[in-house]
Amino acid sequence: MLSSVDSGKYLSQPVRAVIDLALVLLFITIGLTSHQEPLSQLLATAAPFLLATCAGHLGVWAVSSRRQLPLLLEGFMMWITTLVLGLGLRLSFGDTAATAFVVVSALTLLVFLVGWRLILLFVRRKA
């Protein structure tokens, strides 16, 4: 099992959703600045991934209404949903998704969406 600790024990789902959305915005901000793109494009560029993150949290909420999810399982669900749906929406919006972008997106979103949950588990277990 990924973790026997349920996700609701630490933070409410709305708080977890806000953290995930903020991290997705950070991911896009880092990408734009690293390519010297204007931050005025932030919301347009982030829209596919923000929508995917919201969809992921709707899925987590639907599953959690029946049984509590372990925190890390939730993180992996959020990562996969945000990555796959976000890339799909990005393509459907007419943008590109080069292999390098897909790899960087996968790794960055893994670190961001699963990483903070992993850190939270370690901090809470130490306390």
N, C-alpha and C. Protein backbone atom coordinates (compact mmCIF):
# COMPACT_ATOMS: atom_id res chain seq x y z
N MET A 1 0.85 -1.18 0.00
CA MET A 1 0.00 0.00 0.00
C MET A 1 0.89 1.24 0.00
N LEU A 2 0.43 2.26 -0.71
CA LEU A 2 1.23 3.47 -0.80
C LEU A 2 1.37 4.16 0.53
N SER A 3 0.30 4.23 1.27
CA SER A 3 0.32 4.79 2.61
C SER A 3 -1.02 4.46 3.26
N SER A 4 -0.95 4.01 4.48
CA SER A 4 -2.20 3.69 5.16
C SER A 4 -2.86 4.92 5.74
N VAL A 5 -2.24 6.07 5.62
CA VAL A 5 -2.77 7.31 6.17
C VAL A 5 -3.74 7.91 5.16
N ASP A 6 -4.97 8.19 5.59
CA ASP A 6 -5.94 8.75 4.65
C ASP A 6 -5.67 10.22 4.42
N SER A 7 -6.08 10.69 3.24
CA SER A 7 -5.77 12.05 2.81
C SER A 7 -6.48 13.11 3.64
N GLY A 8 -7.66 12.81 4.18
CA GLY A 8 -8.40 13.80 4.94
C GLY A 8 -7.84 14.06 6.32
N LYS A 9 -6.92 13.22 6.78
CA LYS A 9 -6.38 13.36 8.12
C LYS A 9 -5.52 14.63 8.26
N TYR A 10 -4.92 15.07 7.17
CA TYR A 10 -3.97 16.17 7.24
C TYR A 10 -4.54 17.51 6.83
N LEU A 11 -5.11 17.57 5.65
CA LEU A 11 -5.64 18.81 5.12
C LEU A 11 -6.96 18.51 4.43
N SER A 12 -7.87 19.46 4.43
CA SER A 12 -9.14 19.25 3.74
C SER A 12 -8.90 19.20 2.23
N GLN A 13 -9.84 18.59 1.52
CA GLN A 13 -9.66 18.50 0.08
C GLN A 13 -9.59 19.86 -0.60
N PRO A 14 -10.40 20.85 -0.21
CA PRO A 14 -10.24 22.17 -0.83
C PRO A 14 -8.83 22.75 -0.65
N VAL A 15 -8.24 22.55 0.51
CA VAL A 15 -6.88 23.04 0.74
C VAL A 15 -5.89 22.29 -0.15
N ARG A 16 -6.04 20.99 -0.24
CA ARG A 16 -5.16 20.20 -1.11
C ARG A 16 -5.32 20.63 -2.57
N ALA A 17 -6.54 20.94 -2.99
CA ALA A 17 -6.79 21.40 -4.36
C ALA A 17 -6.10 22.74 -4.62
N VAL A 18 -6.19 23.66 -3.68
CA VAL A 18 -5.54 24.96 -3.84
C VAL A 18 -4.02 24.80 -3.93
N ILE A 19 -3.46 23.93 -3.12
CA ILE A 19 -2.01 23.67 -3.18
C ILE A 19 -1.64 23.13 -4.55
N ASP A 20 -2.40 22.15 -5.04
CA ASP A 20 -2.11 21.58 -6.36
C ASP A 20 -2.23 22.62 -7.47
N LEU A 21 -3.28 23.43 -7.43
CA LEU A 21 -3.45 24.47 -8.46
C LEU A 21 -2.31 25.48 -8.41
N ALA A 22 -1.89 25.86 -7.20
CA ALA A 22 -0.76 26.79 -7.07
C ALA A 22 0.52 26.18 -7.64
N LEU A 23 0.72 24.89 -7.40
CA LEU A 23 1.93 24.24 -7.92
C LEU A 23 1.88 24.09 -9.44
N VAL A 24 0.71 23.88 -10.00
CA VAL A 24 0.58 23.84 -11.45
C VAL A 24 0.88 25.22 -12.04
N LEU A 25 0.40 26.27 -11.39
CA LEU A 25 0.74 27.63 -11.84
C LEU A 25 2.24 27.89 -11.74
N LEU A 26 2.86 27.40 -10.68
CA LEU A 26 4.31 27.54 -10.53
C LEU A 26 5.04 26.80 -11.66
N PHE A 27 4.58 25.59 -11.97
CA PHE A 27 5.15 24.80 -13.07
C PHE A 27 5.10 25.59 -14.38
N ILE A 28 3.97 26.17 -14.70
CA ILE A 28 3.84 26.94 -15.94
C ILE A 28 4.67 28.21 -15.89
N THR A 29 4.71 28.87 -14.72
CA THR A 29 5.51 30.09 -14.56
C THR A 29 6.99 29.78 -14.80
N ILE A 30 7.47 28.70 -14.24
CA ILE A 30 8.87 28.30 -14.45
C ILE A 30 9.14 28.06 -15.93
N GLY A 31 8.21 27.36 -16.58
CA GLY A 31 8.37 27.09 -18.00
C GLY A 31 8.40 28.35 -18.84
N LEU A 32 7.48 29.26 -18.57
CA LEU A 32 7.45 30.51 -19.34
C LEU A 32 8.72 31.33 -19.13
N THR A 33 9.14 31.46 -17.88
CA THR A 33 10.33 32.27 -17.62
C THR A 33 11.59 31.62 -18.17
N SER A 34 11.65 30.30 -18.15
CA SER A 34 12.85 29.64 -18.68
C SER A 34 12.94 29.77 -20.20
N HIS A 35 11.82 30.03 -20.85
CA HIS A 35 11.82 30.24 -22.30
C HIS A 35 11.65 31.72 -22.66
N GLN A 36 11.83 32.59 -21.68
CA GLN A 36 11.73 34.04 -21.86
C GLN A 36 10.40 34.45 -22.51
N GLU A 37 9.33 33.77 -22.12
CA GLU A 37 7.98 34.11 -22.59
C GLU A 37 7.35 35.07 -21.58
N PRO A 38 6.48 35.95 -22.03
CA PRO A 38 5.85 36.90 -21.11
C PRO A 38 4.88 36.21 -20.15
N LEU A 39 4.89 36.65 -18.91
CA LEU A 39 3.97 36.08 -17.92
C LEU A 39 2.52 36.46 -18.19
N SER A 40 2.29 37.35 -19.13
CA SER A 40 0.92 37.68 -19.52
C SER A 40 0.24 36.47 -20.17
N GLN A 41 1.02 35.50 -20.60
CA GLN A 41 0.49 34.27 -21.20
C GLN A 41 0.22 33.19 -20.17
N LEU A 42 0.41 33.50 -18.90
CA LEU A 42 0.32 32.49 -17.84
C LEU A 42 -1.01 31.74 -17.84
N LEU A 43 -2.12 32.44 -17.78
CA LEU A 43 -3.41 31.75 -17.69
C LEU A 43 -3.75 30.99 -18.96
N ALA A 44 -3.44 31.55 -20.11
CA ALA A 44 -3.72 30.85 -21.37
C ALA A 44 -2.88 29.58 -21.49
N THR A 45 -1.64 29.66 -21.07
CA THR A 45 -0.76 28.49 -21.14
C THR A 45 -1.12 27.47 -20.07
N ALA A 46 -1.51 27.94 -18.91
CA ALA A 46 -1.83 27.05 -17.79
C ALA A 46 -3.21 26.42 -17.89
N ALA A 47 -4.11 27.01 -18.66
CA ALA A 47 -5.51 26.57 -18.69
C ALA A 47 -5.69 25.06 -18.86
N PRO A 48 -5.01 24.40 -19.80
CA PRO A 48 -5.22 22.95 -19.93
C PRO A 48 -4.85 22.18 -18.67
N PHE A 49 -3.77 22.57 -18.03
CA PHE A 49 -3.31 21.87 -16.83
C PHE A 49 -4.15 22.22 -15.61
N LEU A 50 -4.64 23.47 -15.54
CA LEU A 50 -5.52 23.85 -14.44
C LEU A 50 -6.86 23.11 -14.54
N LEU A 51 -7.39 23.02 -15.76
CA LEU A 51 -8.63 22.26 -15.97
C LEU A 51 -8.43 20.79 -15.61
N ALA A 52 -7.29 20.24 -16.00
CA ALA A 52 -6.99 18.84 -15.70
C ALA A 52 -6.86 18.62 -14.20
N THR A 53 -6.25 19.56 -13.51
CA THR A 53 -6.11 19.47 -12.06
C THR A 53 -7.48 19.50 -11.38
N CYS A 54 -8.34 20.39 -11.86
CA CYS A 54 -9.71 20.45 -11.31
C CYS A 54 -10.45 19.14 -11.57
N ALA A 55 -10.30 18.59 -12.76
CA ALA A 55 -10.93 17.30 -13.07
C ALA A 55 -10.38 16.20 -12.17
N GLY A 56 -9.08 16.23 -11.92
CA GLY A 56 -8.48 15.25 -11.02
C GLY A 56 -9.06 15.33 -9.63
N HIS A 57 -9.25 16.55 -9.14
CA HIS A 57 -9.82 16.70 -7.80
C HIS A 57 -11.30 16.30 -7.76
N LEU A 58 -12.01 16.48 -8.85
CA LEU A 58 -13.38 15.97 -8.91
C LEU A 58 -13.38 14.45 -8.82
N GLY A 59 -12.43 13.82 -9.51
CA GLY A 59 -12.31 12.37 -9.43
C GLY A 59 -11.93 11.90 -8.04
N VAL A 60 -11.01 12.59 -7.41
CA VAL A 60 -10.60 12.25 -6.05
C VAL A 60 -11.79 12.42 -5.10
N TRP A 61 -12.54 13.51 -5.28
CA TRP A 61 -13.71 13.74 -4.44
C TRP A 61 -14.74 12.61 -4.63
N ALA A 62 -14.95 12.19 -5.88
CA ALA A 62 -15.92 11.13 -6.15
C ALA A 62 -15.50 9.82 -5.49
N VAL A 63 -14.22 9.48 -5.58
CA VAL A 63 -13.73 8.25 -4.96
C VAL A 63 -13.77 8.38 -3.44
N SER A 64 -13.36 9.55 -2.94
CA SER A 64 -13.31 9.76 -1.49
C SER A 64 -14.69 9.77 -0.85
N SER A 65 -15.72 10.03 -1.63
CA SER A 65 -17.06 10.01 -1.06
C SER A 65 -17.49 8.58 -0.72
N ARG A 66 -16.79 7.60 -1.30
CA ARG A 66 -17.10 6.20 -1.00
C ARG A 66 -16.11 5.58 -0.03
N ARG A 67 -14.84 5.95 -0.18
CA ARG A 67 -13.82 5.45 0.73
C ARG A 67 -12.67 6.43 0.75
N GLN A 68 -12.02 6.57 1.88
CA GLN A 68 -10.92 7.51 2.04
C GLN A 68 -9.69 7.00 1.30
N LEU A 69 -9.09 7.87 0.52
CA LEU A 69 -7.89 7.52 -0.23
C LEU A 69 -6.63 7.77 0.61
N PRO A 70 -5.64 6.90 0.50
CA PRO A 70 -4.34 7.23 1.09
C PRO A 70 -3.77 8.47 0.41
N LEU A 71 -3.06 9.28 1.15
CA LEU A 71 -2.56 10.55 0.65
C LEU A 71 -1.67 10.37 -0.58
N LEU A 72 -0.78 9.39 -0.57
CA LEU A 72 0.10 9.22 -1.73
C LEU A 72 -0.65 8.69 -2.94
N LEU A 73 -1.64 7.85 -2.74
CA LEU A 73 -2.45 7.38 -3.87
C LEU A 73 -3.17 8.56 -4.51
N GLU A 74 -3.69 9.44 -3.68
CA GLU A 74 -4.31 10.65 -4.20
C GLU A 74 -3.31 11.45 -5.02
N GLY A 75 -2.09 11.59 -4.52
CA GLY A 75 -1.06 12.33 -5.24
C GLY A 75 -0.75 11.72 -6.59
N PHE A 76 -0.65 10.39 -6.65
CA PHE A 76 -0.40 9.74 -7.93
C PHE A 76 -1.59 9.89 -8.88
N MET A 77 -2.80 9.83 -8.34
CA MET A 77 -3.99 10.07 -9.17
C MET A 77 -3.97 11.48 -9.74
N MET A 78 -3.61 12.43 -8.92
CA MET A 78 -3.55 13.82 -9.37
C MET A 78 -2.47 14.01 -10.43
N TRP A 79 -1.33 13.36 -10.22
CA TRP A 79 -0.23 13.47 -11.18
C TRP A 79 -0.64 12.94 -12.55
N ILE A 80 -1.15 11.72 -12.58
CA ILE A 80 -1.52 11.09 -13.85
C ILE A 80 -2.63 11.88 -14.54
N THR A 81 -3.64 12.26 -13.79
CA THR A 81 -4.76 13.01 -14.38
C THR A 81 -4.30 14.35 -14.93
N THR A 82 -3.53 15.07 -14.13
CA THR A 82 -3.06 16.39 -14.57
C THR A 82 -2.16 16.28 -15.78
N LEU A 83 -1.29 15.28 -15.78
CA LEU A 83 -0.37 15.11 -16.91
C LEU A 83 -1.11 14.70 -18.17
N VAL A 84 -1.84 13.60 -18.11
CA VAL A 84 -2.46 13.04 -19.32
C VAL A 84 -3.56 13.95 -19.85
N LEU A 85 -4.47 14.36 -18.98
CA LEU A 85 -5.55 15.23 -19.43
C LEU A 85 -5.02 16.61 -19.81
N GLY A 86 -4.05 17.12 -19.06
CA GLY A 86 -3.46 18.42 -19.38
C GLY A 86 -2.79 18.43 -20.73
N LEU A 87 -2.02 17.38 -21.04
CA LEU A 87 -1.38 17.30 -22.36
C LEU A 87 -2.43 17.14 -23.46
N GLY A 88 -3.44 16.33 -23.19
CA GLY A 88 -4.50 16.16 -24.18
C GLY A 88 -5.23 17.46 -24.47
N LEU A 89 -5.56 18.19 -23.41
CA LEU A 89 -6.21 19.49 -23.60
C LEU A 89 -5.29 20.48 -24.29
N ARG A 90 -4.03 20.45 -23.94
CA ARG A 90 -3.05 21.33 -24.59
C ARG A 90 -3.05 21.09 -26.09
N LEU A 91 -3.03 19.84 -26.49
CA LEU A 91 -3.06 19.51 -27.92
C LEU A 91 -4.38 19.92 -28.56
N SER A 92 -5.49 19.69 -27.85
CA SER A 92 -6.79 20.06 -28.41
C SER A 92 -6.98 21.56 -28.51
N PHE A 93 -6.25 22.32 -27.69
CA PHE A 93 -6.29 23.78 -27.77
C PHE A 93 -5.41 24.31 -28.91
N GLY A 94 -4.73 23.39 -29.62
CA GLY A 94 -3.93 23.78 -30.77
C GLY A 94 -2.47 24.02 -30.48
N ASP A 95 -2.02 23.70 -29.28
CA ASP A 95 -0.61 23.87 -28.93
C ASP A 95 0.13 22.57 -29.22
N THR A 96 1.42 22.58 -29.00
CA THR A 96 2.24 21.40 -29.27
C THR A 96 2.63 20.72 -27.96
N ALA A 97 3.16 19.51 -28.11
CA ALA A 97 3.66 18.77 -26.95
C ALA A 97 4.84 17.92 -27.41
N ALA A 98 5.98 18.57 -27.59
CA ALA A 98 7.18 17.87 -28.00
C ALA A 98 7.58 16.86 -26.92
N THR A 99 8.33 15.86 -27.32
CA THR A 99 8.75 14.81 -26.39
C THR A 99 9.45 15.39 -25.16
N ALA A 100 10.33 16.33 -25.38
CA ALA A 100 11.05 16.94 -24.26
C ALA A 100 10.07 17.63 -23.30
N PHE A 101 9.06 18.28 -23.84
CA PHE A 101 8.06 18.94 -22.99
C PHE A 101 7.28 17.91 -22.18
N VAL A 102 6.93 16.80 -22.80
CA VAL A 102 6.19 15.75 -22.11
C VAL A 102 7.03 15.18 -20.97
N VAL A 103 8.30 14.92 -21.21
CA VAL A 103 9.18 14.37 -20.18
C VAL A 103 9.36 15.35 -19.03
N VAL A 104 9.64 16.60 -19.36
CA VAL A 104 9.82 17.62 -18.31
C VAL A 104 8.52 17.81 -17.53
N SER A 105 7.41 17.83 -18.23
CA SER A 105 6.11 17.98 -17.56
C SER A 105 5.86 16.81 -16.61
N ALA A 106 6.12 15.61 -17.09
CA ALA A 106 5.89 14.42 -16.26
C ALA A 106 6.73 14.46 -15.00
N LEU A 107 7.99 14.77 -15.13
CA LEU A 107 8.88 14.78 -13.96
C LEU A 107 8.55 15.93 -13.01
N THR A 108 8.31 17.11 -13.56
CA THR A 108 8.01 18.27 -12.71
C THR A 108 6.69 18.08 -11.97
N LEU A 109 5.67 17.63 -12.68
CA LEU A 109 4.38 17.42 -12.02
C LEU A 109 4.44 16.29 -11.00
N LEU A 110 5.25 15.28 -11.27
CA LEU A 110 5.44 14.20 -10.28
C LEU A 110 6.04 14.77 -9.00
N VAL A 111 7.10 15.54 -9.14
CA VAL A 111 7.75 16.14 -7.97
C VAL A 111 6.79 17.07 -7.24
N PHE A 112 6.06 17.90 -7.99
CA PHE A 112 5.17 18.87 -7.36
C PHE A 112 3.95 18.23 -6.72
N LEU A 113 3.24 17.38 -7.45
CA LEU A 113 1.95 16.89 -6.98
C LEU A 113 2.06 15.71 -6.02
N VAL A 114 3.09 14.92 -6.15
CA VAL A 114 3.30 13.81 -5.21
C VAL A 114 4.27 14.24 -4.12
N GLY A 115 5.24 15.06 -4.49
CA GLY A 115 6.30 15.45 -3.56
C GLY A 115 5.81 16.14 -2.30
N TRP A 116 4.90 17.10 -2.44
CA TRP A 116 4.45 17.82 -1.23
C TRP A 116 3.68 16.89 -0.31
N ARG A 117 2.99 15.92 -0.88
CA ARG A 117 2.26 14.96 -0.04
C ARG A 117 3.23 14.04 0.69
N LEU A 118 4.28 13.64 0.02
CA LEU A 118 5.30 12.80 0.63
C LEU A 118 6.00 13.54 1.77
N ILE A 119 6.33 14.79 1.54
CA ILE A 119 6.95 15.61 2.58
C ILE A 119 6.01 15.75 3.77
N LEU A 120 4.73 16.00 3.49
CA LEU A 120 3.75 16.13 4.57
C LEU A 120 3.67 14.86 5.40
N LEU A 121 3.68 13.70 4.75
CA LEU A 121 3.64 12.43 5.48
C LEU A 121 4.85 12.28 6.38
N PHE A 122 6.03 12.59 5.87
CA PHE A 122 7.25 12.46 6.67
C PHE A 122 7.25 13.43 7.85
N VAL A 123 6.83 14.68 7.61
CA VAL A 123 6.81 15.67 8.67
C VAL A 123 5.82 15.26 9.75
N ARG A 124 4.65 14.80 9.36
CA ARG A 124 3.61 14.42 10.32
C ARG A 124 4.01 13.17 11.11
N ARG A 125 4.71 12.25 10.47
CA ARG A 125 5.13 11.03 11.17
C ARG A 125 6.22 11.32 12.18
N LYS A 126 7.05 12.33 11.89
CA LYS A 126 8.12 12.71 12.82
C LYS A 126 7.55 13.42 14.04
N ALA A 127 6.44 14.12 13.83
CA ALA A 127 5.86 14.92 14.93
C ALA A 127 5.16 14.07 15.96
